[in-house]
Amino acid sequence: MNSGQRGLLVTFEGGEGSGKSTIVRKVAEHIGEGALVTQEPEGTDLGRHMWEYFRGLAAAGKNLTPEAELFLFAAARAEHVRTVIEPALAAGRVVLCDRFADSTTAYQGHGRGIDIATVAAVNRIATGSLEPDLTLLLDVPVDVGLARARALEADATKRPDAIGAEPLAFHERVRAGFLGIAAANPQRVTVIDAGQPLVVVLAGVIEAVDTATRR
């Protein structure tokens, strides 16, 4: 990619412990200086402040209503798209985004039970109808993913938030939601078995990204 053409938006999705953050870093190393790594909701100052508030609630044993969750994530995404993602795309960069609108559909829609049409309408407003060029869904069985996530809890930044601490049934709904999104959008979403060894997962992801960049 170069500044003479619009860049590429690649999003990475998956449940708890799917290994997204590690894979994003590895893909960025593969692409080189043309890549911009970002994440949701912490991709802007607004998102970081929101996430700190959200994690603080979890530490205090409190929860937001599902609707409040939905609109908080949407507000962070609206700022992120307009101040980080769109400018990078306009400059011809490959944007690697750890979570995007599909996470809201899976977590607040399928997980929390908010009407999917409502979630879709909120997502359209937040993103300005921006769609990823490619989405990599790192799929792993819920029990495996949660075990991985719990193993990282010694790191304070990795401790579960109010969503990560939800029971197994919630995360099963989220996984089913992600797989449903993939089935409905086969041209955009590539499902990667994230239960495989890291080197195998990374090879599959890089192949998909390289194919997208050549289009």
Protein backbone atom coordinates (compact mmCIF):
# COMPACT_ATOMS: atom_id res chain seq x y z
CA MET A 1 0.00 0.00 0.00
CA ASN A 2 1.09 3.57 -0.55
CA SER A 3 -0.21 7.06 -0.03
CA GLY A 4 -1.58 7.11 -3.58
CA GLN A 5 -4.31 4.61 -2.79
CA ARG A 6 -6.70 3.87 0.04
CA GLY A 7 -5.38 1.50 2.67
CA LEU A 8 -6.74 -1.78 3.97
CA LEU A 9 -8.71 -2.38 7.16
CA VAL A 10 -8.06 -5.81 8.68
CA THR A 11 -9.92 -6.64 11.89
CA PHE A 12 -9.22 -9.44 14.32
CA GLU A 13 -12.07 -10.98 16.29
CA GLY A 14 -12.55 -13.81 18.74
CA GLY A 15 -13.56 -14.70 22.25
CA GLU A 16 -11.53 -14.58 25.44
CA GLY A 17 -8.12 -16.22 25.15
CA SER A 18 -8.21 -16.50 21.36
CA GLY A 19 -4.73 -14.98 21.02
CA LYS A 20 -5.70 -11.90 19.00
CA SER A 21 -3.17 -9.51 20.52
CA THR A 22 -0.22 -11.83 19.88
CA ILE A 23 -1.30 -12.50 16.29
CA VAL A 24 -1.81 -8.80 15.56
CA ARG A 25 1.72 -8.01 16.69
CA LYS A 26 3.16 -10.80 14.54
CA VAL A 27 1.21 -9.69 11.46
CA ALA A 28 2.42 -6.11 11.97
CA GLU A 29 6.01 -7.36 12.02
CA HIS A 30 5.35 -9.25 8.79
CA ILE A 31 3.90 -6.19 7.02
CA GLY A 32 6.47 -3.71 8.28
CA GLU A 33 6.25 0.06 8.55
CA GLY A 34 3.10 0.34 6.43
CA ALA A 35 1.04 -1.25 9.21
CA LEU A 36 -0.83 0.60 11.92
CA VAL A 37 -1.76 -1.48 14.97
CA THR A 38 -4.73 -0.31 16.98
CA GLN A 39 -7.41 -1.82 19.20
CA GLU A 40 -10.86 -1.31 20.58
CA PRO A 41 -11.91 0.21 22.80
CA GLU A 42 -8.46 1.50 23.81
CA GLY A 43 -7.47 3.02 20.46
CA THR A 44 -8.13 6.61 21.57
CA ASP A 45 -7.96 8.61 24.79
CA LEU A 46 -11.74 8.42 25.03
CA GLY A 47 -11.66 4.65 24.64
CA ARG A 48 -8.90 4.22 27.20
CA HIS A 49 -10.77 6.31 29.79
CA MET A 50 -13.95 4.36 29.09
CA TRP A 51 -12.17 1.03 29.45
CA GLU A 52 -10.58 2.06 32.75
CA TYR A 53 -14.03 3.00 34.03
CA PHE A 54 -15.48 -0.28 32.79
CA ARG A 55 -12.74 -2.34 34.41
CA GLY A 56 -13.15 -0.35 37.62
CA LEU A 57 -16.79 -1.33 37.77
CA ALA A 58 -15.85 -4.98 37.37
CA ALA A 59 -13.30 -4.73 40.18
CA ALA A 60 -16.04 -3.30 42.40
CA GLY A 61 -18.41 -6.12 41.48
CA LYS A 62 -20.74 -3.82 39.55
CA ASN A 63 -22.17 -4.03 36.04
CA LEU A 64 -23.61 -1.62 33.52
CA THR A 65 -26.91 -2.29 31.83
CA PRO A 66 -26.51 -3.99 28.43
CA GLU A 67 -27.77 -0.85 26.70
CA ALA A 68 -25.22 1.35 28.47
CA GLU A 69 -22.48 -1.07 27.45
CA LEU A 70 -23.64 -0.91 23.85
CA PHE A 71 -23.56 2.87 23.67
CA LEU A 72 -20.25 3.22 25.50
CA PHE A 73 -18.52 0.90 23.05
CA ALA A 74 -20.23 2.70 20.16
CA ALA A 75 -19.01 6.09 21.38
CA ALA A 76 -15.44 4.80 21.63
CA ARG A 77 -15.71 3.29 18.14
CA ALA A 78 -17.08 6.47 16.59
CA GLU A 79 -14.09 8.43 17.89
CA HIS A 80 -11.69 5.67 16.87
CA VAL A 81 -12.96 5.41 13.30
CA ARG A 82 -12.91 9.13 12.64
CA THR A 83 -9.66 10.08 14.36
CA VAL A 84 -7.47 6.98 13.90
CA ILE A 85 -8.74 4.47 11.34
CA GLU A 86 -10.05 6.71 8.55
CA PRO A 87 -6.97 8.99 8.49
CA ALA A 88 -4.69 5.94 8.33
CA LEU A 89 -6.71 4.41 5.49
CA ALA A 90 -6.64 7.72 3.62
CA ALA A 91 -2.83 7.67 3.93
CA GLY A 92 -2.70 4.22 2.33
CA ARG A 93 -1.80 2.25 5.46
CA VAL A 94 -2.79 -1.28 6.44
CA VAL A 95 -4.79 -0.91 9.65
CA LEU A 96 -4.70 -3.95 11.94
CA CYS A 97 -7.49 -3.52 14.46
CA ASP A 98 -7.89 -5.80 17.48
CA ARG A 99 -11.72 -5.95 17.71
CA PHE A 100 -14.25 -3.91 15.78
CA ALA A 101 -18.01 -3.82 15.25
CA ASP A 102 -18.37 -7.62 15.07
CA SER A 103 -17.39 -7.78 18.74
CA THR A 104 -20.34 -5.56 19.65
CA THR A 105 -22.68 -7.79 17.65
CA ALA A 106 -21.30 -10.91 19.33
CA TYR A 107 -20.99 -9.63 22.91
CA GLN A 108 -23.77 -7.07 23.35
CA GLY A 109 -26.08 -8.66 20.76
CA HIS A 110 -25.72 -12.43 21.10
CA GLY A 111 -24.14 -12.39 24.56
CA ARG A 112 -26.23 -9.74 26.33
CA GLY A 113 -29.36 -10.32 24.27
CA ILE A 114 -29.86 -6.86 22.77
CA ASP A 115 -31.90 -7.00 19.55
CA ILE A 116 -29.48 -7.64 16.68
CA ALA A 117 -31.18 -5.08 14.43
CA THR A 118 -30.66 -2.46 17.14
CA VAL A 119 -27.00 -3.38 17.48
CA ALA A 120 -26.57 -3.19 13.70
CA ALA A 121 -28.12 0.28 13.58
CA VAL A 122 -25.85 1.53 16.38
CA ASN A 123 -22.80 -0.01 14.68
CA ARG A 124 -23.63 1.71 11.38
CA ILE A 125 -23.77 5.09 13.08
CA ALA A 126 -20.57 4.48 15.06
CA THR A 127 -18.57 3.27 12.05
CA GLY A 128 -20.10 5.62 9.48
CA SER A 129 -20.87 2.36 7.60
CA LEU A 130 -17.15 1.54 7.35
CA GLU A 131 -16.68 -2.20 6.75
CA PRO A 132 -13.44 -4.13 7.21
CA ASP A 133 -11.79 -5.38 4.02
CA LEU A 134 -10.88 -8.57 5.86
CA THR A 135 -11.82 -10.01 9.23
CA LEU A 136 -9.85 -12.82 10.84
CA LEU A 137 -11.98 -14.72 13.34
CA LEU A 138 -9.69 -16.59 15.72
CA ASP A 139 -11.97 -19.36 16.91
CA VAL A 140 -11.21 -21.48 19.94
CA PRO A 141 -13.48 -23.62 22.16
CA VAL A 142 -14.78 -21.53 25.04
CA ASP A 143 -13.30 -23.70 27.79
CA VAL A 144 -9.86 -23.58 26.16
CA GLY A 145 -10.01 -19.82 25.64
CA LEU A 146 -11.13 -19.09 29.18
CA ALA A 147 -8.38 -21.33 30.59
CA ARG A 148 -5.82 -19.38 28.56
CA ALA A 149 -7.25 -16.07 29.76
CA ARG A 150 -7.23 -17.15 33.40
CA ALA A 151 -3.60 -18.20 33.10
CA LEU A 152 -2.72 -14.55 32.39
CA GLU A 153 -4.49 -13.11 35.42
CA ALA A 154 -1.22 -12.53 37.30
CA ASP A 155 -0.75 -9.61 34.91
CA ALA A 156 -3.08 -6.88 36.21
CA THR A 157 -3.72 -5.63 32.68
CA LYS A 158 -5.00 -9.10 31.71
CA ARG A 159 -7.43 -9.63 34.58
CA PRO A 160 -11.00 -10.23 33.45
CA ASP A 161 -13.35 -7.31 33.04
CA ALA A 162 -17.10 -7.52 33.57
CA ILE A 163 -17.48 -9.28 30.22
CA GLY A 164 -14.53 -11.64 30.59
CA ALA A 165 -15.79 -12.72 34.01
CA GLU A 166 -19.21 -13.79 32.68
CA PRO A 167 -20.21 -17.47 33.01
CA LEU A 168 -19.53 -20.16 30.42
CA ALA A 169 -23.01 -19.96 28.87
CA PHE A 170 -22.49 -16.28 28.02
CA HIS A 171 -19.23 -17.00 26.23
CA GLU A 172 -20.81 -19.90 24.35
CA ARG A 173 -23.43 -17.47 23.01
CA VAL A 174 -20.68 -15.05 22.04
CA ARG A 175 -18.78 -17.77 20.16
CA ALA A 176 -21.93 -18.85 18.37
CA GLY A 177 -22.54 -15.21 17.47
CA PHE A 178 -19.09 -14.84 15.95
CA LEU A 179 -19.48 -18.05 13.95
CA GLY A 180 -22.87 -16.84 12.74
CA ILE A 181 -21.33 -13.58 11.55
CA ALA A 182 -18.67 -15.55 9.68
CA ALA A 183 -21.25 -17.79 8.02
CA ALA A 184 -23.26 -14.77 6.89
CA ASN A 185 -20.18 -12.92 5.55
CA PRO A 186 -17.92 -15.51 3.89
CA GLN A 187 -16.34 -12.98 1.51
CA ARG A 188 -15.14 -10.84 4.43
CA VAL A 189 -14.57 -13.21 7.34
CA THR A 190 -11.94 -15.95 7.42
CA VAL A 191 -12.25 -18.38 10.34
CA ILE A 192 -8.94 -19.58 11.76
CA ASP A 193 -8.74 -22.50 14.20
CA ALA A 194 -6.92 -20.77 17.05
CA GLY A 195 -6.60 -24.01 18.99
CA GLN A 196 -3.70 -24.99 16.75
CA PRO A 197 -0.04 -24.20 17.53
CA LEU A 198 0.82 -20.51 17.19
CA VAL A 199 3.03 -21.05 14.14
CA VAL A 200 0.15 -22.75 12.30
CA VAL A 201 -2.37 -20.07 13.29
CA LEU A 202 0.01 -17.31 12.23
CA ALA A 203 0.68 -18.94 8.85
CA GLY A 204 -3.04 -19.08 8.10
CA VAL A 205 -3.58 -15.48 9.15
CA ILE A 206 -0.63 -14.15 7.14
CA GLU A 207 -1.79 -16.04 4.05
CA ALA A 208 -5.22 -14.42 4.32
CA VAL A 209 -3.75 -10.93 4.90
CA ASP A 210 -1.28 -11.26 2.02
CA THR A 211 -4.09 -12.35 -0.30
CA ALA A 212 -6.18 -9.32 0.74
CA THR A 213 -3.32 -6.88 0.17
CA ARG A 214 -2.84 -8.19 -3.37
CA ARG A 215 -6.45 -7.60 -4.40
